[in-house]
């Protein structure tokens, strides 16, 4: 975690956050700190963003796709199987619950994530089937399929010092590409 993010919780007994996201109210562009890594998030132009970075749902898919690929690769390595490459393609959409035959919810809209996994290498049919089974057991997949308890709270007054406040300029014309 960055020094400024750690400083925000010093003396409070509170564990530093795993991820800190900072933005201002003038637009969608966000600055993200995850340990030593700095990222950005934005929204597409058609919804008022500047398309300067991936959007929140893109990051959700990135997390699931990366975890799926890592889990499949780890399993294949542990078995010394001849897996050469893994390609995980993902798409998020919203569907009517009534159109989902294998879903518990039957009213309203549901989020759907379609995942396609490409495995290359001289694998047997049984190895491919097992790797597909393992793909559904990656930790992020299990988290998304489980009950998630998200607790929101207001940060204590004065917990953001001038040095940790964001100074992001959101420019809808900026494409970042």
C-alpha atoms as a PDB file:
ATOM      1  CA  UNK A   1       0.000   0.000   0.000  1.00  0.00           C
ATOM      2  CA  UNK A   2       1.254   3.489  -0.697  1.00  0.00           C
ATOM      3  CA  UNK A   3       2.709   5.529   2.142  1.00  0.00           C
ATOM      4  CA  UNK A   4      -0.098   8.093   1.966  1.00  0.00           C
ATOM      5  CA  UNK A   5      -2.776   5.391   2.079  1.00  0.00           C
ATOM      6  CA  UNK A   6      -1.061   3.722   5.042  1.00  0.00           C
ATOM      7  CA  UNK A   7      -0.734   7.071   6.816  1.00  0.00           C
ATOM      8  CA  UNK A   8      -4.503   7.503   6.655  1.00  0.00           C
ATOM      9  CA  UNK A   9      -4.978   4.583   9.041  1.00  0.00           C
ATOM     10  CA  UNK A  10      -1.918   4.967  11.293  1.00  0.00           C
ATOM     11  CA  UNK A  11      -2.804   5.139  14.945  1.00  0.00           C
ATOM     12  CA  UNK A  12      -6.373   3.950  14.365  1.00  0.00           C
ATOM     13  CA  UNK A  13      -5.763   0.238  14.828  1.00  0.00           C
ATOM     14  CA  UNK A  14      -7.505  -0.261  11.491  1.00  0.00           C
ATOM     15  CA  UNK A  15      -5.930  -2.624   8.962  1.00  0.00           C
ATOM     16  CA  UNK A  16      -4.986  -0.759   5.760  1.00  0.00           C
ATOM     17  CA  UNK A  17      -7.342  -1.287   2.836  1.00  0.00           C
ATOM     18  CA  UNK A  18      -6.378  -3.816   0.157  1.00  0.00           C
ATOM     19  CA  UNK A  19      -7.443  -1.385  -2.560  1.00  0.00           C
ATOM     20  CA  UNK A  20      -7.991   2.380  -2.435  1.00  0.00           C
ATOM     21  CA  UNK A  21      -9.997   4.137  -5.152  1.00  0.00           C
ATOM     22  CA  UNK A  22      -9.977   7.919  -5.435  1.00  0.00           C
ATOM     23  CA  UNK A  23     -12.040  10.127  -7.695  1.00  0.00           C
ATOM     24  CA  UNK A  24     -13.721  13.467  -7.769  1.00  0.00           C
ATOM     25  CA  UNK A  25     -17.309  14.359  -8.484  1.00  0.00           C
ATOM     26  CA  UNK A  26     -16.608  15.988 -11.860  1.00  0.00           C
ATOM     27  CA  UNK A  27     -16.481  12.730 -13.816  1.00  0.00           C
ATOM     28  CA  UNK A  28     -16.050   8.967 -13.767  1.00  0.00           C
ATOM     29  CA  UNK A  29     -12.252   8.691 -13.974  1.00  0.00           C
ATOM     30  CA  UNK A  30     -10.831   6.989 -10.862  1.00  0.00           C
ATOM     31  CA  UNK A  31      -7.274   6.428  -9.622  1.00  0.00           C
ATOM     32  CA  UNK A  32      -6.747   3.024  -7.998  1.00  0.00           C
ATOM     33  CA  UNK A  33      -3.937   1.856  -5.713  1.00  0.00           C
ATOM     34  CA  UNK A  34      -3.579  -1.867  -5.056  1.00  0.00           C
ATOM     35  CA  UNK A  35      -0.424  -2.491  -3.085  1.00  0.00           C
ATOM     36  CA  UNK A  36       2.437  -1.242  -5.260  1.00  0.00           C
ATOM     37  CA  UNK A  37       0.219  -1.129  -8.351  1.00  0.00           C
ATOM     38  CA  UNK A  38      -1.495   1.938  -9.748  1.00  0.00           C
ATOM     39  CA  UNK A  39      -4.478   1.552 -12.057  1.00  0.00           C
ATOM     40  CA  UNK A  40      -7.275   3.680 -13.439  1.00  0.00           C
ATOM     41  CA  UNK A  41     -10.950   3.061 -14.117  1.00  0.00           C
ATOM     42  CA  UNK A  42     -13.393   5.019 -16.262  1.00  0.00           C
ATOM     43  CA  UNK A  43     -16.648   4.579 -18.106  1.00  0.00           C
ATOM     44  CA  UNK A  44     -17.218   4.531 -21.871  1.00  0.00           C
ATOM     45  CA  UNK A  45     -17.992   7.783 -23.674  1.00  0.00           C
ATOM     46  CA  UNK A  46     -21.575   6.664 -24.431  1.00  0.00           C
ATOM     47  CA  UNK A  47     -22.409   6.764 -20.700  1.00  0.00           C
ATOM     48  CA  UNK A  48     -20.552  10.007 -19.950  1.00  0.00           C
ATOM     49  CA  UNK A  49     -17.028   8.767 -19.263  1.00  0.00           C
ATOM     50  CA  UNK A  50     -13.816   9.488 -21.112  1.00  0.00           C
ATOM     51  CA  UNK A  51     -12.975   5.834 -21.912  1.00  0.00           C
ATOM     52  CA  UNK A  52      -9.492   6.487 -20.468  1.00  0.00           C
ATOM     53  CA  UNK A  53      -9.354   3.099 -18.726  1.00  0.00           C
ATOM     54  CA  UNK A  54     -11.321  -0.124 -18.264  1.00  0.00           C
ATOM     55  CA  UNK A  55     -14.676   0.152 -16.540  1.00  0.00           C
ATOM     56  CA  UNK A  56     -15.747  -1.465 -13.267  1.00  0.00           C
ATOM     57  CA  UNK A  57     -17.344  -4.492 -14.962  1.00  0.00           C
ATOM     58  CA  UNK A  58     -14.217  -4.913 -17.090  1.00  0.00           C
ATOM     59  CA  UNK A  59     -12.200  -5.224 -13.878  1.00  0.00           C
ATOM     60  CA  UNK A  60     -14.703  -7.745 -12.517  1.00  0.00           C
ATOM     61  CA  UNK A  61     -14.197  -9.840 -15.659  1.00  0.00           C
ATOM     62  CA  UNK A  62     -10.411  -9.346 -15.463  1.00  0.00           C
ATOM     63  CA  UNK A  63     -10.397 -10.721 -11.920  1.00  0.00           C
ATOM     64  CA  UNK A  64     -12.469 -13.754 -12.854  1.00  0.00           C
ATOM     65  CA  UNK A  65     -10.552 -14.430 -16.060  1.00  0.00           C
ATOM     66  CA  UNK A  66      -7.125 -14.095 -14.467  1.00  0.00           C
ATOM     67  CA  UNK A  67      -8.082 -16.314 -11.532  1.00  0.00           C
ATOM     68  CA  UNK A  68      -9.577 -18.934 -13.865  1.00  0.00           C
ATOM     69  CA  UNK A  69      -6.456 -19.037 -16.043  1.00  0.00           C
ATOM     70  CA  UNK A  70      -4.110 -19.127 -13.038  1.00  0.00           C
ATOM     71  CA  UNK A  71      -6.095 -21.922 -11.372  1.00  0.00           C
ATOM     72  CA  UNK A  72      -6.205 -24.066 -14.515  1.00  0.00           C
ATOM     73  CA  UNK A  73      -2.493 -23.528 -15.138  1.00  0.00           C
ATOM     74  CA  UNK A  74      -1.571 -24.351 -11.543  1.00  0.00           C
ATOM     75  CA  UNK A  75      -3.584 -27.561 -11.646  1.00  0.00           C
ATOM     76  CA  UNK A  76      -2.062 -28.662 -14.958  1.00  0.00           C
ATOM     77  CA  UNK A  77       1.462 -27.923 -13.672  1.00  0.00           C
ATOM     78  CA  UNK A  78       0.811 -29.885 -10.484  1.00  0.00           C
ATOM     79  CA  UNK A  79      -0.286 -32.890 -12.588  1.00  0.00           C
ATOM     80  CA  UNK A  80       2.545 -32.338 -15.108  1.00  0.00           C
ATOM     81  CA  UNK A  81      -0.022 -32.277 -17.920  1.00  0.00           C
ATOM     82  CA  UNK A  82       1.017 -30.926 -21.345  1.00  0.00           C
ATOM     83  CA  UNK A  83      -1.083 -27.749 -21.191  1.00  0.00           C
ATOM     84  CA  UNK A  84       0.654 -25.051 -23.238  1.00  0.00           C
ATOM     85  CA  UNK A  85      -1.634 -22.010 -23.237  1.00  0.00           C
ATOM     86  CA  UNK A  86      -4.910 -20.896 -21.690  1.00  0.00           C
ATOM     87  CA  UNK A  87      -7.180 -18.245 -23.186  1.00  0.00           C
ATOM     88  CA  UNK A  88     -10.158 -17.117 -21.121  1.00  0.00           C
ATOM     89  CA  UNK A  89     -12.694 -14.887 -22.904  1.00  0.00           C
ATOM     90  CA  UNK A  90     -15.456 -13.300 -20.831  1.00  0.00           C
ATOM     91  CA  UNK A  91     -18.586 -11.245 -21.478  1.00  0.00           C
ATOM     92  CA  UNK A  92     -20.959  -9.619 -18.979  1.00  0.00           C
ATOM     93  CA  UNK A  93     -24.619  -9.019 -19.770  1.00  0.00           C
ATOM     94  CA  UNK A  94     -27.982  -8.578 -18.080  1.00  0.00           C
ATOM     95  CA  UNK A  95     -30.776 -11.021 -18.872  1.00  0.00           C
ATOM     96  CA  UNK A  96     -34.398 -11.503 -17.863  1.00  0.00           C
ATOM     97  CA  UNK A  97     -34.531 -14.031 -15.019  1.00  0.00           C
ATOM     98  CA  UNK A  98     -37.431 -15.829 -16.686  1.00  0.00           C
ATOM     99  CA  UNK A  99     -35.117 -16.631 -19.630  1.00  0.00           C
ATOM    100  CA  UNK A 100     -32.675 -18.534 -17.397  1.00  0.00           C
ATOM    101  CA  UNK A 101     -33.745 -22.151 -17.048  1.00  0.00           C
ATOM    102  CA  UNK A 102     -31.048 -23.072 -14.512  1.00  0.00           C
ATOM    103  CA  UNK A 103     -31.355 -19.983 -12.279  1.00  0.00           C
ATOM    104  CA  UNK A 104     -33.128 -19.881  -8.907  1.00  0.00           C
ATOM    105  CA  UNK A 105     -34.383 -16.318  -9.392  1.00  0.00           C
ATOM    106  CA  UNK A 106     -37.320 -16.095 -11.800  1.00  0.00           C
ATOM    107  CA  UNK A 107     -38.274 -12.391 -11.541  1.00  0.00           C
ATOM    108  CA  UNK A 108     -36.459  -9.263 -12.698  1.00  0.00           C
ATOM    109  CA  UNK A 109     -33.030  -9.097 -14.277  1.00  0.00           C
ATOM    110  CA  UNK A 110     -29.914 -11.165 -13.621  1.00  0.00           C
ATOM    111  CA  UNK A 111     -26.265 -10.580 -14.293  1.00  0.00           C
ATOM    112  CA  UNK A 112     -24.762 -13.190 -16.607  1.00  0.00           C
ATOM    113  CA  UNK A 113     -21.086 -13.825 -17.231  1.00  0.00           C
ATOM    114  CA  UNK A 114     -20.258 -15.998 -20.217  1.00  0.00           C
ATOM    115  CA  UNK A 115     -16.814 -17.593 -19.958  1.00  0.00           C
ATOM    116  CA  UNK A 116     -15.123 -19.407 -22.839  1.00  0.00           C
ATOM    117  CA  UNK A 117     -11.902 -21.255 -22.094  1.00  0.00           C
ATOM    118  CA  UNK A 118      -9.402 -22.268 -24.762  1.00  0.00           C
ATOM    119  CA  UNK A 119      -6.831 -24.889 -23.810  1.00  0.00           C
ATOM    120  CA  UNK A 120      -3.945 -25.685 -26.133  1.00  0.00           C
ATOM    121  CA  UNK A 121      -1.522 -28.560 -25.923  1.00  0.00           C
ATOM    122  CA  UNK A 122      -1.637 -32.326 -26.469  1.00  0.00           C
ATOM    123  CA  UNK A 123      -4.194 -32.990 -23.725  1.00  0.00           C
ATOM    124  CA  UNK A 124      -6.448 -36.042 -23.554  1.00  0.00           C
ATOM    125  CA  UNK A 125     -10.230 -35.605 -23.549  1.00  0.00           C
ATOM    126  CA  UNK A 126     -10.225 -36.565 -19.854  1.00  0.00           C
ATOM    127  CA  UNK A 127      -7.560 -33.959 -19.021  1.00  0.00           C
ATOM    128  CA  UNK A 128      -9.520 -31.260 -20.873  1.00  0.00           C
ATOM    129  CA  UNK A 129     -12.715 -32.206 -19.026  1.00  0.00           C
ATOM    130  CA  UNK A 130     -10.936 -32.097 -15.651  1.00  0.00           C
ATOM    131  CA  UNK A 131      -9.366 -28.708 -16.431  1.00  0.00           C
ATOM    132  CA  UNK A 132     -12.809 -27.321 -17.325  1.00  0.00           C
ATOM    133  CA  UNK A 133     -14.128 -28.638 -13.999  1.00  0.00           C
ATOM    134  CA  UNK A 134     -11.197 -27.020 -12.173  1.00  0.00           C
ATOM    135  CA  UNK A 135     -11.872 -23.709 -13.968  1.00  0.00           C
ATOM    136  CA  UNK A 136     -15.197 -23.468 -12.134  1.00  0.00           C
ATOM    137  CA  UNK A 137     -13.408 -23.847  -8.806  1.00  0.00           C
ATOM    138  CA  UNK A 138     -11.120 -20.836  -8.971  1.00  0.00           C
ATOM    139  CA  UNK A 139     -11.384 -18.683  -5.814  1.00  0.00           C
ATOM    140  CA  UNK A 140     -12.896 -15.668  -7.590  1.00  0.00           C
ATOM    141  CA  UNK A 141     -15.519 -17.883  -9.287  1.00  0.00           C
ATOM    142  CA  UNK A 142     -16.415 -19.373  -5.905  1.00  0.00           C
ATOM    143  CA  UNK A 143     -16.625 -15.883  -4.368  1.00  0.00           C
ATOM    144  CA  UNK A 144     -18.940 -14.612  -7.103  1.00  0.00           C
ATOM    145  CA  UNK A 145     -21.194 -17.672  -6.743  1.00  0.00           C
ATOM    146  CA  UNK A 146     -21.376 -17.415  -2.939  1.00  0.00           C
ATOM    147  CA  UNK A 147     -23.269 -15.076  -0.678  1.00  0.00           C
ATOM    148  CA  UNK A 148     -21.281 -11.858  -0.438  1.00  0.00           C
ATOM    149  CA  UNK A 149     -21.626  -9.531   2.539  1.00  0.00           C
ATOM    150  CA  UNK A 150     -20.576  -6.007   1.535  1.00  0.00           C
ATOM    151  CA  UNK A 151     -20.455  -3.571   4.442  1.00  0.00           C
ATOM    152  CA  UNK A 152     -20.566   0.153   3.611  1.00  0.00           C
ATOM    153  CA  UNK A 153     -19.638   2.802   6.147  1.00  0.00           C
ATOM    154  CA  UNK A 154     -18.720   6.453   6.112  1.00  0.00           C
ATOM    155  CA  UNK A 155     -15.022   7.191   6.652  1.00  0.00           C
ATOM    156  CA  UNK A 156     -14.366   9.069   9.898  1.00  0.00           C
ATOM    157  CA  UNK A 157     -14.353  12.862   9.541  1.00  0.00           C
ATOM    158  CA  UNK A 158     -10.864  14.158   8.903  1.00  0.00           C
ATOM    159  CA  UNK A 159      -9.540  10.760   7.799  1.00  0.00           C
ATOM    160  CA  UNK A 160      -8.548  12.161   4.409  1.00  0.00           C
ATOM    161  CA  UNK A 161      -5.648  14.537   4.610  1.00  0.00           C
ATOM    162  CA  UNK A 162      -4.817  16.986   1.842  1.00  0.00           C
ATOM    163  CA  UNK A 163      -1.963  14.705   0.771  1.00  0.00           C
ATOM    164  CA  UNK A 164      -4.310  11.759   0.133  1.00  0.00           C
ATOM    165  CA  UNK A 165      -7.104  13.654  -1.598  1.00  0.00           C
ATOM    166  CA  UNK A 166      -7.423  12.984  -5.297  1.00  0.00           C
ATOM    167  CA  UNK A 167      -6.576  15.536  -7.918  1.00  0.00           C
ATOM    168  CA  UNK A 168      -8.009  13.720 -10.924  1.00  0.00           C
ATOM    169  CA  UNK A 169      -8.976  15.669 -14.006  1.00  0.00           C
ATOM    170  CA  UNK A 170     -11.755  13.884 -15.842  1.00  0.00           C
ATOM    171  CA  UNK A 171     -11.689  14.767 -19.521  1.00  0.00           C
ATOM    172  CA  UNK A 172     -14.546  13.134 -21.510  1.00  0.00           C
ATOM    173  CA  UNK A 173     -12.639  13.806 -24.738  1.00  0.00           C
ATOM    174  CA  UNK A 174      -9.628  11.803 -23.563  1.00  0.00           C
ATOM    175  CA  UNK A 175      -9.664   8.270 -24.896  1.00  0.00           C
ATOM    176  CA  UNK A 176      -6.507   6.844 -23.325  1.00  0.00           C
ATOM    177  CA  UNK A 177      -6.018   4.706 -26.431  1.00  0.00           C
END
